[in-house]
């Protein structure tokens, strides 16, 4: 899992180029991307090492709308 704070991404000169957050090795792919709300106290609620937090269920039709149902965008 890789976390990236949006506030740490510089916006100057990025109006049309987009932003590369990470360079992947040949053959590597991003499996999923999700938005995580920051805790009110600023502390990150990380799961214990080796555990993956549960993912919220997708709404009916959400996967199709996002192009994820058939592996598109992966």
N, C-alpha and C. Protein backbone atom coordinates (compact mmCIF):
# COMPACT_ATOMS: atom_id res chain seq x y z
N UNK A 1 0.85 -1.16 0.00
CA UNK A 1 0.00 0.00 0.00
C UNK A 1 0.90 1.23 0.00
N UNK A 2 0.58 2.16 -0.86
CA UNK A 2 1.30 3.42 -0.95
C UNK A 2 0.31 4.54 -0.70
N UNK A 3 0.64 5.44 0.22
CA UNK A 3 -0.23 6.58 0.50
C UNK A 3 0.45 7.85 0.02
N UNK A 4 -0.32 8.72 -0.60
CA UNK A 4 0.20 9.99 -1.11
C UNK A 4 -0.78 11.09 -0.73
N UNK A 5 -0.32 12.08 0.02
CA UNK A 5 -1.18 13.20 0.38
C UNK A 5 -1.28 14.16 -0.80
N UNK A 6 -2.48 14.51 -1.18
CA UNK A 6 -2.70 15.42 -2.30
C UNK A 6 -2.07 16.78 -2.01
N UNK A 7 -2.08 17.19 -0.75
CA UNK A 7 -1.52 18.50 -0.40
C UNK A 7 -0.01 18.56 -0.64
N UNK A 8 0.66 17.41 -0.77
CA UNK A 8 2.10 17.38 -1.00
C UNK A 8 2.46 17.43 -2.48
N UNK A 9 1.47 17.38 -3.37
CA UNK A 9 1.71 17.43 -4.81
C UNK A 9 1.71 18.88 -5.25
N UNK A 10 2.81 19.33 -5.86
CA UNK A 10 2.90 20.71 -6.31
C UNK A 10 1.98 20.93 -7.50
N UNK A 11 1.28 22.04 -7.50
CA UNK A 11 0.35 22.33 -8.59
C UNK A 11 0.93 23.27 -9.64
N UNK A 12 2.04 23.92 -9.36
CA UNK A 12 2.65 24.86 -10.31
C UNK A 12 3.15 24.09 -11.53
N UNK A 13 2.72 24.53 -12.73
CA UNK A 13 3.16 23.91 -13.97
C UNK A 13 2.50 22.58 -14.27
N UNK A 14 1.44 22.25 -13.57
CA UNK A 14 0.79 20.96 -13.75
C UNK A 14 -0.56 21.06 -14.44
N UNK A 15 -0.89 22.21 -15.00
CA UNK A 15 -2.23 22.42 -15.53
C UNK A 15 -2.61 21.46 -16.64
N UNK A 16 -1.67 21.03 -17.48
CA UNK A 16 -2.03 20.12 -18.56
C UNK A 16 -1.21 18.85 -18.58
N UNK A 17 -0.15 18.79 -17.84
CA UNK A 17 0.75 17.65 -17.89
C UNK A 17 0.30 16.47 -17.03
N UNK A 18 -0.46 16.73 -16.00
CA UNK A 18 -0.78 15.66 -15.06
C UNK A 18 0.36 15.50 -14.08
N UNK A 19 0.24 14.54 -13.20
CA UNK A 19 1.23 14.33 -12.16
C UNK A 19 1.57 12.85 -12.09
N UNK A 20 2.84 12.53 -12.11
CA UNK A 20 3.27 11.15 -11.92
C UNK A 20 3.59 11.00 -10.43
N UNK A 21 2.85 10.16 -9.75
CA UNK A 21 3.07 9.97 -8.32
C UNK A 21 4.10 8.89 -8.04
N UNK A 22 4.22 7.92 -8.94
CA UNK A 22 5.16 6.82 -8.73
C UNK A 22 5.54 6.22 -10.08
N UNK A 23 6.78 5.82 -10.20
CA UNK A 23 7.22 5.11 -11.41
C UNK A 23 7.15 3.61 -11.12
N UNK A 24 6.48 2.90 -12.00
CA UNK A 24 6.34 1.45 -11.84
C UNK A 24 7.40 0.74 -12.66
N UNK A 25 7.86 -0.40 -12.18
CA UNK A 25 8.78 -1.23 -12.94
C UNK A 25 8.04 -1.85 -14.11
N UNK A 26 8.78 -2.27 -15.14
CA UNK A 26 8.17 -2.94 -16.29
C UNK A 26 7.38 -4.15 -15.81
N UNK A 27 6.16 -4.26 -16.28
CA UNK A 27 5.31 -5.39 -15.91
C UNK A 27 4.48 -5.15 -14.67
N UNK A 28 4.82 -4.15 -13.85
CA UNK A 28 4.03 -3.84 -12.66
C UNK A 28 2.81 -3.03 -13.06
N UNK A 29 1.72 -3.20 -12.32
CA UNK A 29 0.49 -2.47 -12.61
C UNK A 29 -0.15 -2.03 -11.30
N UNK A 30 -0.92 -0.96 -11.38
CA UNK A 30 -1.69 -0.50 -10.23
C UNK A 30 -2.98 -1.31 -10.20
N UNK A 31 -3.25 -1.97 -9.08
CA UNK A 31 -4.44 -2.82 -8.97
C UNK A 31 -5.65 -2.03 -8.52
N UNK A 32 -5.46 -1.02 -7.67
CA UNK A 32 -6.60 -0.25 -7.17
C UNK A 32 -6.12 1.09 -6.65
N UNK A 33 -7.00 2.06 -6.70
CA UNK A 33 -6.76 3.39 -6.15
C UNK A 33 -8.00 3.77 -5.37
N UNK A 34 -7.81 4.35 -4.20
CA UNK A 34 -8.96 4.77 -3.41
C UNK A 34 -8.62 6.04 -2.66
N UNK A 35 -9.63 6.80 -2.34
CA UNK A 35 -9.47 8.03 -1.55
C UNK A 35 -9.72 7.67 -0.10
N UNK A 36 -8.81 8.11 0.78
CA UNK A 36 -8.94 7.86 2.21
C UNK A 36 -9.02 9.20 2.91
N UNK A 37 -10.07 9.41 3.68
CA UNK A 37 -10.23 10.66 4.42
C UNK A 37 -9.20 10.71 5.54
N UNK A 38 -8.61 11.89 5.75
CA UNK A 38 -7.64 12.07 6.82
C UNK A 38 -8.37 12.11 8.16
N UNK A 39 -7.76 11.52 9.17
CA UNK A 39 -8.35 11.52 10.51
C UNK A 39 -8.43 12.96 11.02
N UNK A 40 -9.45 13.27 11.79
CA UNK A 40 -9.67 14.62 12.30
C UNK A 40 -8.51 15.10 13.17
N UNK A 41 -7.87 14.18 13.91
CA UNK A 41 -6.78 14.57 14.79
C UNK A 41 -5.43 14.56 14.09
N UNK A 42 -5.42 14.24 12.78
CA UNK A 42 -4.18 14.24 12.03
C UNK A 42 -3.42 12.94 12.11
N UNK A 43 -3.80 12.06 13.04
CA UNK A 43 -3.15 10.76 13.14
C UNK A 43 -3.71 9.84 12.07
N UNK A 44 -2.84 9.05 11.49
CA UNK A 44 -3.29 8.09 10.50
C UNK A 44 -3.67 6.80 11.21
N UNK A 45 -4.83 6.29 10.88
CA UNK A 45 -5.27 5.02 11.45
C UNK A 45 -4.80 3.91 10.53
N UNK A 46 -3.60 3.43 10.77
CA UNK A 46 -3.04 2.38 9.94
C UNK A 46 -3.37 1.02 10.52
N UNK A 47 -3.63 0.03 9.66
CA UNK A 47 -3.86 -1.31 10.17
C UNK A 47 -2.55 -1.89 10.68
N UNK A 48 -2.59 -2.89 11.56
CA UNK A 48 -1.36 -3.54 12.02
C UNK A 48 -0.58 -4.09 10.83
N UNK A 49 0.74 -4.18 10.98
CA UNK A 49 1.59 -4.67 9.89
C UNK A 49 1.10 -6.02 9.38
N UNK A 50 1.04 -6.15 8.08
CA UNK A 50 0.63 -7.40 7.46
C UNK A 50 -0.86 -7.54 7.26
N UNK A 51 -1.65 -6.61 7.79
CA UNK A 51 -3.10 -6.68 7.63
C UNK A 51 -3.55 -5.62 6.64
N UNK A 52 -4.56 -5.95 5.87
CA UNK A 52 -5.13 -5.02 4.91
C UNK A 52 -6.47 -4.55 5.44
N UNK A 53 -6.72 -3.24 5.44
CA UNK A 53 -8.02 -2.76 5.93
C UNK A 53 -9.13 -3.23 5.00
N UNK A 54 -10.32 -3.47 5.54
CA UNK A 54 -11.43 -3.90 4.68
C UNK A 54 -11.81 -2.79 3.71
N UNK A 55 -12.17 -3.19 2.49
CA UNK A 55 -12.59 -2.22 1.49
C UNK A 55 -14.09 -2.04 1.56
N UNK A 56 -14.57 -0.80 1.40
CA UNK A 56 -16.01 -0.60 1.41
C UNK A 56 -16.62 -1.25 0.18
N UNK A 57 -17.83 -1.79 0.30
CA UNK A 57 -18.47 -2.42 -0.87
C UNK A 57 -18.80 -1.37 -1.92
N UNK A 58 -18.74 -1.79 -3.20
CA UNK A 58 -19.10 -0.89 -4.29
C UNK A 58 -20.61 -0.80 -4.39
N UNK A 59 -21.08 0.37 -4.74
CA UNK A 59 -22.51 0.56 -4.98
C UNK A 59 -22.90 -0.20 -6.23
N UNK A 60 -24.16 -0.54 -6.35
CA UNK A 60 -24.66 -1.23 -7.54
C UNK A 60 -24.31 -0.43 -8.79
N UNK A 61 -23.58 -1.02 -9.73
CA UNK A 61 -23.23 -0.36 -10.97
C UNK A 61 -22.00 0.53 -10.89
N UNK A 62 -21.43 0.71 -9.71
CA UNK A 62 -20.27 1.60 -9.57
C UNK A 62 -19.05 1.05 -10.31
N UNK A 63 -18.82 -0.25 -10.24
CA UNK A 63 -17.67 -0.83 -10.93
C UNK A 63 -17.79 -0.63 -12.43
N UNK A 64 -18.99 -0.83 -12.98
CA UNK A 64 -19.18 -0.66 -14.41
C UNK A 64 -18.96 0.80 -14.81
N UNK A 65 -19.46 1.73 -14.00
CA UNK A 65 -19.33 3.16 -14.30
C UNK A 65 -17.87 3.59 -14.27
N UNK A 66 -17.08 2.98 -13.40
CA UNK A 66 -15.67 3.34 -13.29
C UNK A 66 -14.80 2.55 -14.26
N UNK A 67 -15.40 1.65 -15.04
CA UNK A 67 -14.63 0.87 -15.99
C UNK A 67 -13.81 -0.22 -15.35
N UNK A 68 -14.18 -0.67 -14.16
CA UNK A 68 -13.40 -1.67 -13.45
C UNK A 68 -13.97 -3.08 -13.58
N UNK A 69 -15.18 -3.21 -14.04
CA UNK A 69 -15.83 -4.51 -14.08
C UNK A 69 -15.09 -5.50 -14.96
N UNK A 70 -14.58 -5.06 -16.09
CA UNK A 70 -13.91 -5.96 -17.02
C UNK A 70 -12.40 -5.81 -16.97
N UNK A 71 -11.87 -5.25 -15.89
CA UNK A 71 -10.44 -5.07 -15.77
C UNK A 71 -9.91 -3.85 -16.50
N UNK A 72 -10.79 -3.00 -17.01
CA UNK A 72 -10.35 -1.79 -17.69
C UNK A 72 -9.73 -0.85 -16.67
N UNK A 73 -8.74 -0.13 -17.08
CA UNK A 73 -8.12 0.85 -16.19
C UNK A 73 -7.14 0.24 -15.21
N UNK A 74 -6.89 -1.06 -15.35
CA UNK A 74 -5.94 -1.71 -14.45
C UNK A 74 -4.62 -1.83 -15.16
